[in-house]
């Protein structure tokens, strides 16, 4: 369930980031305005990576049949 939640939230943030970058490119003046799109894309990629790493570790622990924390 956590994986589904991360995926849905990541998609929503991606859509919001695209809208923000489009508005900035549309309304701002100068050549620097075009850097907002790659900046937001990198931010979204880092955020998804940081949230997916713990999920991947927990899934790997389950697949390797490791006992949960707190159990000897």
PDB file of N, CA and C in Angstrom:
ATOM      1  N   UNK A   1       0.817  -1.189   0.000  1.00  0.00           N
ATOM      2  CA  UNK A   1       0.000   0.000   0.000  1.00  0.00           C
ATOM      3  C   UNK A   1       0.864   1.258   0.000  1.00  0.00           C
ATOM      4  N   UNK A   2       1.997   1.182   0.685  1.00  0.00           N
ATOM      5  CA  UNK A   2       2.876   2.346   0.718  1.00  0.00           C
ATOM      6  C   UNK A   2       3.416   2.653  -0.671  1.00  0.00           C
ATOM      7  N   UNK A   3       3.709   1.627  -1.445  1.00  0.00           N
ATOM      8  CA  UNK A   3       4.188   1.830  -2.807  1.00  0.00           C
ATOM      9  C   UNK A   3       3.163   2.535  -3.679  1.00  0.00           C
ATOM     10  N   UNK A   4       1.904   2.159  -3.509  1.00  0.00           N
ATOM     11  CA  UNK A   4       0.833   2.805  -4.275  1.00  0.00           C
ATOM     12  C   UNK A   4       0.712   4.265  -3.863  1.00  0.00           C
ATOM     13  N   UNK A   5       0.767   4.522  -2.565  1.00  0.00           N
ATOM     14  CA  UNK A   5       0.682   5.895  -2.076  1.00  0.00           C
ATOM     15  C   UNK A   5       1.837   6.739  -2.601  1.00  0.00           C
ATOM     16  N   UNK A   6       3.050   6.206  -2.564  1.00  0.00           N
ATOM     17  CA  UNK A   6       4.210   6.933  -3.081  1.00  0.00           C
ATOM     18  C   UNK A   6       4.041   7.221  -4.560  1.00  0.00           C
ATOM     19  N   UNK A   7       3.526   6.268  -5.300  1.00  0.00           N
ATOM     20  CA  UNK A   7       3.340   6.456  -6.738  1.00  0.00           C
ATOM     21  C   UNK A   7       2.304   7.547  -7.030  1.00  0.00           C
ATOM     22  N   UNK A   8       1.189   7.517  -6.325  1.00  0.00           N
ATOM     23  CA  UNK A   8       0.132   8.507  -6.551  1.00  0.00           C
ATOM     24  C   UNK A   8       0.598   9.899  -6.152  1.00  0.00           C
ATOM     25  N   UNK A   9       1.256  10.012  -5.010  1.00  0.00           N
ATOM     26  CA  UNK A   9       1.750  11.316  -4.569  1.00  0.00           C
ATOM     27  C   UNK A   9       2.834  11.819  -5.519  1.00  0.00           C
ATOM     28  N   UNK A  10       3.703  10.948  -5.978  1.00  0.00           N
ATOM     29  CA  UNK A  10       4.729  11.342  -6.937  1.00  0.00           C
ATOM     30  C   UNK A  10       4.141  11.855  -8.237  1.00  0.00           C
ATOM     31  N   UNK A  11       3.099  11.195  -8.724  1.00  0.00           N
ATOM     32  CA  UNK A  11       2.427  11.657  -9.939  1.00  0.00           C
ATOM     33  C   UNK A  11       1.767  13.012  -9.733  1.00  0.00           C
ATOM     34  N   UNK A  12       1.132  13.192  -8.582  1.00  0.00           N
ATOM     35  CA  UNK A  12       0.474  14.472  -8.297  1.00  0.00           C
ATOM     36  C   UNK A  12       1.496  15.604  -8.217  1.00  0.00           C
ATOM     37  N   UNK A  13       2.603  15.359  -7.542  1.00  0.00           N
ATOM     38  CA  UNK A  13       3.641  16.388  -7.426  1.00  0.00           C
ATOM     39  C   UNK A  13       4.274  16.665  -8.784  1.00  0.00           C
ATOM     40  N   UNK A  14       4.416  15.640  -9.592  1.00  0.00           N
ATOM     41  CA  UNK A  14       4.941  15.824 -10.941  1.00  0.00           C
ATOM     42  C   UNK A  14       4.026  16.740 -11.752  1.00  0.00           C
ATOM     43  N   UNK A  15       2.727  16.506 -11.678  1.00  0.00           N
ATOM     44  CA  UNK A  15       1.777  17.349 -12.400  1.00  0.00           C
ATOM     45  C   UNK A  15       1.806  18.789 -11.902  1.00  0.00           C
ATOM     46  N   UNK A  16       1.879  18.976 -10.601  1.00  0.00           N
ATOM     47  CA  UNK A  16       1.957  20.322 -10.040  1.00  0.00           C
ATOM     48  C   UNK A  16       3.249  21.006 -10.477  1.00  0.00           C
ATOM     49  N   UNK A  17       4.351  20.254 -10.487  1.00  0.00           N
ATOM     50  CA  UNK A  17       5.631  20.820 -10.936  1.00  0.00           C
ATOM     51  C   UNK A  17       5.602  21.255 -12.385  1.00  0.00           C
ATOM     52  N   UNK A  18       4.957  20.476 -13.232  1.00  0.00           N
ATOM     53  CA  UNK A  18       4.836  20.840 -14.647  1.00  0.00           C
ATOM     54  C   UNK A  18       4.012  22.114 -14.800  1.00  0.00           C
ATOM     55  N   UNK A  19       2.939  22.221 -14.048  1.00  0.00           N
ATOM     56  CA  UNK A  19       2.101  23.416 -14.122  1.00  0.00           C
ATOM     57  C   UNK A  19       2.871  24.640 -13.640  1.00  0.00           C
ATOM     58  N   UNK A  20       3.599  24.509 -12.542  1.00  0.00           N
ATOM     59  CA  UNK A  20       4.379  25.638 -12.018  1.00  0.00           C
ATOM     60  C   UNK A  20       5.444  26.069 -13.012  1.00  0.00           C
ATOM     61  N   UNK A  21       6.173  25.112 -13.569  1.00  0.00           N
ATOM     62  CA  UNK A  21       7.227  25.482 -14.519  1.00  0.00           C
ATOM     63  C   UNK A  21       6.639  26.112 -15.781  1.00  0.00           C
ATOM     64  N   UNK A  22       5.471  25.635 -16.226  1.00  0.00           N
ATOM     65  CA  UNK A  22       4.837  26.232 -17.408  1.00  0.00           C
ATOM     66  C   UNK A  22       4.416  27.664 -17.139  1.00  0.00           C
ATOM     67  N   UNK A  23       3.879  27.925 -15.954  1.00  0.00           N
ATOM     68  CA  UNK A  23       3.468  29.287 -15.611  1.00  0.00           C
ATOM     69  C   UNK A  23       4.684  30.202 -15.501  1.00  0.00           C
ATOM     70  N   UNK A  24       5.758  29.712 -14.910  1.00  0.00           N
ATOM     71  CA  UNK A  24       6.971  30.532 -14.789  1.00  0.00           C
ATOM     72  C   UNK A  24       7.549  30.838 -16.168  1.00  0.00           C
ATOM     73  N   UNK A  25       7.617  29.854 -17.032  1.00  0.00           N
ATOM     74  CA  UNK A  25       8.145  30.078 -18.383  1.00  0.00           C
ATOM     75  C   UNK A  25       7.238  31.041 -19.148  1.00  0.00           C
ATOM     76  N   UNK A  26       5.955  30.941 -18.935  1.00  0.00           N
ATOM     77  CA  UNK A  26       4.997  31.776 -19.649  1.00  0.00           C
ATOM     78  C   UNK A  26       5.039  33.225 -19.170  1.00  0.00           C
ATOM     79  N   UNK A  27       5.115  33.438 -17.849  1.00  0.00           N
ATOM     80  CA  UNK A  27       4.995  34.775 -17.282  1.00  0.00           C
ATOM     81  C   UNK A  27       6.329  35.493 -17.076  1.00  0.00           C
ATOM     82  N   UNK A  28       7.404  34.775 -16.870  1.00  0.00           N
ATOM     83  CA  UNK A  28       8.688  35.410 -16.557  1.00  0.00           C
ATOM     84  C   UNK A  28       9.351  35.933 -17.825  1.00  0.00           C
ATOM     85  N   UNK A  29      10.272  36.845 -17.621  1.00  0.00           N
ATOM     86  CA  UNK A  29      11.041  37.422 -18.725  1.00  0.00           C
ATOM     87  C   UNK A  29      12.498  36.972 -18.601  1.00  0.00           C
ATOM     88  N   UNK A  30      13.214  36.921 -19.692  1.00  0.00           N
ATOM     89  CA  UNK A  30      14.638  36.596 -19.682  1.00  0.00           C
ATOM     90  C   UNK A  30      14.903  35.140 -20.005  1.00  0.00           C
ATOM     91  N   UNK A  31      16.178  34.874 -20.253  1.00  0.00           N
ATOM     92  CA  UNK A  31      16.585  33.519 -20.629  1.00  0.00           C
ATOM     93  C   UNK A  31      16.643  32.565 -19.446  1.00  0.00           C
ATOM     94  N   UNK A  32      16.766  33.072 -18.229  1.00  0.00           N
ATOM     95  CA  UNK A  32      16.854  32.219 -17.051  1.00  0.00           C
ATOM     96  C   UNK A  32      15.581  31.460 -16.742  1.00  0.00           C
ATOM     97  N   UNK A  33      14.489  31.887 -17.332  1.00  0.00           N
ATOM     98  CA  UNK A  33      13.212  31.235 -17.038  1.00  0.00           C
ATOM     99  C   UNK A  33      13.167  29.786 -17.517  1.00  0.00           C
ATOM    100  N   UNK A  34      13.996  29.443 -18.477  1.00  0.00           N
ATOM    101  CA  UNK A  34      13.979  28.085 -19.015  1.00  0.00           C
ATOM    102  C   UNK A  34      14.681  27.071 -18.101  1.00  0.00           C
ATOM    103  N   UNK A  35      15.348  27.553 -17.074  1.00  0.00           N
ATOM    104  CA  UNK A  35      16.017  26.637 -16.134  1.00  0.00           C
ATOM    105  C   UNK A  35      15.058  26.066 -15.096  1.00  0.00           C
ATOM    106  N   UNK A  36      13.861  26.611 -15.002  1.00  0.00           N
ATOM    107  CA  UNK A  36      12.918  26.131 -13.994  1.00  0.00           C
ATOM    108  C   UNK A  36      12.445  24.708 -14.288  1.00  0.00           C
ATOM    109  N   UNK A  37      12.260  24.374 -15.544  1.00  0.00           N
ATOM    110  CA  UNK A  37      11.760  23.034 -15.892  1.00  0.00           C
ATOM    111  C   UNK A  37      12.753  21.941 -15.505  1.00  0.00           C
ATOM    112  N   UNK A  38      14.038  22.045 -15.879  1.00  0.00           N
ATOM    113  CA  UNK A  38      14.962  20.991 -15.420  1.00  0.00           C
ATOM    114  C   UNK A  38      15.157  20.994 -13.909  1.00  0.00           C
ATOM    115  N   UNK A  39      15.082  22.173 -13.275  1.00  0.00           N
ATOM    116  CA  UNK A  39      15.256  22.232 -11.823  1.00  0.00           C
ATOM    117  C   UNK A  39      14.131  21.498 -11.112  1.00  0.00           C
ATOM    118  N   UNK A  40      12.907  21.718 -11.544  1.00  0.00           N
ATOM    119  CA  UNK A  40      11.773  21.027 -10.929  1.00  0.00           C
ATOM    120  C   UNK A  40      11.827  19.527 -11.235  1.00  0.00           C
ATOM    121  N   UNK A  41      12.251  19.165 -12.426  1.00  0.00           N
ATOM    122  CA  UNK A  41      12.367  17.745 -12.780  1.00  0.00           C
ATOM    123  C   UNK A  41      13.391  17.036 -11.900  1.00  0.00           C
ATOM    124  N   UNK A  42      14.526  17.677 -11.656  1.00  0.00           N
ATOM    125  CA  UNK A  42      15.550  17.084 -10.791  1.00  0.00           C
ATOM    126  C   UNK A  42      15.034  16.974  -9.359  1.00  0.00           C
ATOM    127  N   UNK A  43      14.328  18.004  -8.881  1.00  0.00           N
ATOM    128  CA  UNK A  43      13.759  17.956  -7.538  1.00  0.00           C
ATOM    129  C   UNK A  43      12.780  16.790  -7.392  1.00  0.00           C
ATOM    130  N   UNK A  44      11.918  16.611  -8.367  1.00  0.00           N
ATOM    131  CA  UNK A  44      10.945  15.523  -8.325  1.00  0.00           C
ATOM    132  C   UNK A  44      11.649  14.166  -8.358  1.00  0.00           C
ATOM    133  N   UNK A  45      12.669  14.038  -9.198  1.00  0.00           N
ATOM    134  CA  UNK A  45      13.404  12.769  -9.284  1.00  0.00           C
ATOM    135  C   UNK A  45      14.090  12.440  -7.965  1.00  0.00           C
ATOM    136  N   UNK A  46      14.697  13.429  -7.327  1.00  0.00           N
ATOM    137  CA  UNK A  46      15.363  13.201  -6.039  1.00  0.00           C
ATOM    138  C   UNK A  46      14.351  12.830  -4.975  1.00  0.00           C
ATOM    139  N   UNK A  47      13.223  13.524  -4.962  1.00  0.00           N
ATOM    140  CA  UNK A  47      12.198  13.238  -3.969  1.00  0.00           C
ATOM    141  C   UNK A  47      11.639  11.822  -4.130  1.00  0.00           C
ATOM    142  N   UNK A  48      11.369  11.402  -5.344  1.00  0.00           N
ATOM    143  CA  UNK A  48      10.862  10.046  -5.576  1.00  0.00           C
ATOM    144  C   UNK A  48      11.916   9.013  -5.192  1.00  0.00           C
ATOM    145  N   UNK A  49      13.177   9.279  -5.503  1.00  0.00           N
ATOM    146  CA  UNK A  49      14.248   8.352  -5.136  1.00  0.00           C
ATOM    147  C   UNK A  49      14.356   8.214  -3.622  1.00  0.00           C
ATOM    148  N   UNK A  50      14.295   9.343  -2.901  1.00  0.00           N
ATOM    149  CA  UNK A  50      14.427   9.295  -1.445  1.00  0.00           C
ATOM    150  C   UNK A  50      13.248   8.602  -0.778  1.00  0.00           C
ATOM    151  N   UNK A  51      12.065   8.700  -1.356  1.00  0.00           N
ATOM    152  CA  UNK A  51      10.921   8.014  -0.758  1.00  0.00           C
ATOM    153  C   UNK A  51      10.855   6.547  -1.163  1.00  0.00           C
ATOM    154  N   UNK A  52      11.425   6.205  -2.303  1.00  0.00           N
ATOM    155  CA  UNK A  52      11.374   4.820  -2.763  1.00  0.00           C
ATOM    156  C   UNK A  52      12.464   3.956  -2.142  1.00  0.00           C
ATOM    157  N   UNK A  53      13.549   4.562  -1.684  1.00  0.00           N
ATOM    158  CA  UNK A  53      14.651   3.793  -1.112  1.00  0.00           C
ATOM    159  C   UNK A  53      14.232   2.994   0.122  1.00  0.00           C
ATOM    160  N   UNK A  54      13.561   3.604   1.121  1.00  0.00           N
ATOM    161  CA  UNK A  54      13.130   2.786   2.274  1.00  0.00           C
ATOM    162  C   UNK A  54      12.147   1.685   1.892  1.00  0.00           C
ATOM    163  N   UNK A  55      11.271   1.973   0.945  1.00  0.00           N
ATOM    164  CA  UNK A  55      10.320   0.960   0.486  1.00  0.00           C
ATOM    165  C   UNK A  55      11.048  -0.216  -0.147  1.00  0.00           C
ATOM    166  N   UNK A  56      12.060   0.070  -0.933  1.00  0.00           N
ATOM    167  CA  UNK A  56      12.841  -0.985  -1.570  1.00  0.00           C
ATOM    168  C   UNK A  56      13.597  -1.814  -0.534  1.00  0.00           C
ATOM    169  N   UNK A  57      14.139  -1.161   0.475  1.00  0.00           N
ATOM    170  CA  UNK A  57      14.847  -1.887   1.534  1.00  0.00           C
ATOM    171  C   UNK A  57      13.909  -2.806   2.301  1.00  0.00           C
ATOM    172  N   UNK A  58      12.712  -2.300   2.624  1.00  0.00           N
ATOM    173  CA  UNK A  58      11.757  -3.143   3.345  1.00  0.00           C
ATOM    174  C   UNK A  58      11.282  -4.316   2.488  1.00  0.00           C
ATOM    175  N   UNK A  59      11.063  -4.061   1.218  1.00  0.00           N
ATOM    176  CA  UNK A  59      10.648  -5.143   0.320  1.00  0.00           C
ATOM    177  C   UNK A  59      11.742  -6.186   0.199  1.00  0.00           C
ATOM    178  N   UNK A  60      12.987  -5.740   0.112  1.00  0.00           N
ATOM    179  CA  UNK A  60      14.109  -6.677   0.051  1.00  0.00           C
ATOM    180  C   UNK A  60      14.229  -7.507   1.308  1.00  0.00           C
ATOM    181  N   UNK A  61      13.990  -6.875   2.457  1.00  0.00           N
ATOM    182  CA  UNK A  61      14.031  -7.619   3.722  1.00  0.00           C
ATOM    183  C   UNK A  61      12.957  -8.694   3.764  1.00  0.00           C
ATOM    184  N   UNK A  62      11.782  -8.376   3.265  1.00  0.00           N
ATOM    185  CA  UNK A  62      10.702  -9.364   3.238  1.00  0.00           C
ATOM    186  C   UNK A  62      11.072 -10.509   2.296  1.00  0.00           C
ATOM    187  N   UNK A  63      11.605 -10.175   1.125  1.00  0.00           N
ATOM    188  CA  UNK A  63      11.966 -11.217   0.171  1.00  0.00           C
ATOM    189  C   UNK A  63      13.107 -12.096   0.676  1.00  0.00           C
ATOM    190  N   UNK A  64      14.004 -11.520   1.472  1.00  0.00           N
ATOM    191  CA  UNK A  64      15.112 -12.298   2.031  1.00  0.00           C
ATOM    192  C   UNK A  64      14.720 -12.993   3.329  1.00  0.00           C
ATOM    193  N   UNK A  65      13.478 -12.840   3.746  1.00  0.00           N
ATOM    194  CA  UNK A  65      12.914 -13.455   4.944  1.00  0.00           C
ATOM    195  C   UNK A  65      13.701 -13.089   6.198  1.00  0.00           C
ATOM    196  N   UNK A  66      13.994 -11.816   6.335  1.00  0.00           N
ATOM    197  CA  UNK A  66      14.665 -11.289   7.521  1.00  0.00           C
ATOM    198  C   UNK A  66      13.597 -10.999   8.571  1.00  0.00           C
ATOM    199  N   UNK A  67      13.907 -11.297   9.832  1.00  0.00           N
ATOM    200  CA  UNK A  67      12.969 -11.037  10.904  1.00  0.00           C
ATOM    201  C   UNK A  67      12.789  -9.538  11.086  1.00  0.00           C
ATOM    202  N   UNK A  68      11.576  -9.076  11.369  1.00  0.00           N
ATOM    203  CA  UNK A  68      11.345  -7.655  11.591  1.00  0.00           C
ATOM    204  C   UNK A  68      12.130  -7.131  12.775  1.00  0.00           C
ATOM    205  N   UNK A  69      12.363  -5.816  12.792  1.00  0.00           N
ATOM    206  CA  UNK A  69      13.105  -5.217  13.893  1.00  0.00           C
ATOM    207  C   UNK A  69      12.394  -5.444  15.224  1.00  0.00           C
ATOM    208  N   UNK A  70      13.155  -5.699  16.273  1.00  0.00           N
ATOM    209  CA  UNK A  70      12.580  -5.932  17.588  1.00  0.00           C
ATOM    210  C   UNK A  70      12.300  -7.407  17.881  1.00  0.00           C
ATOM    211  N   UNK A  71      12.523  -8.275  16.907  1.00  0.00           N
ATOM    212  CA  UNK A  71      12.307  -9.717  17.110  1.00  0.00           C
ATOM    213  C   UNK A  71      13.636 -10.419  16.957  1.00  0.00           C
ATOM    214  N   UNK A  72      13.985 -11.237  17.963  1.00  0.00           N
ATOM    215  CA  UNK A  72      15.237 -11.978  17.913  1.00  0.00           C
ATOM    216  C   UNK A  72      15.116 -13.161  16.978  1.00  0.00           C
TER     217      UNK A  72
END
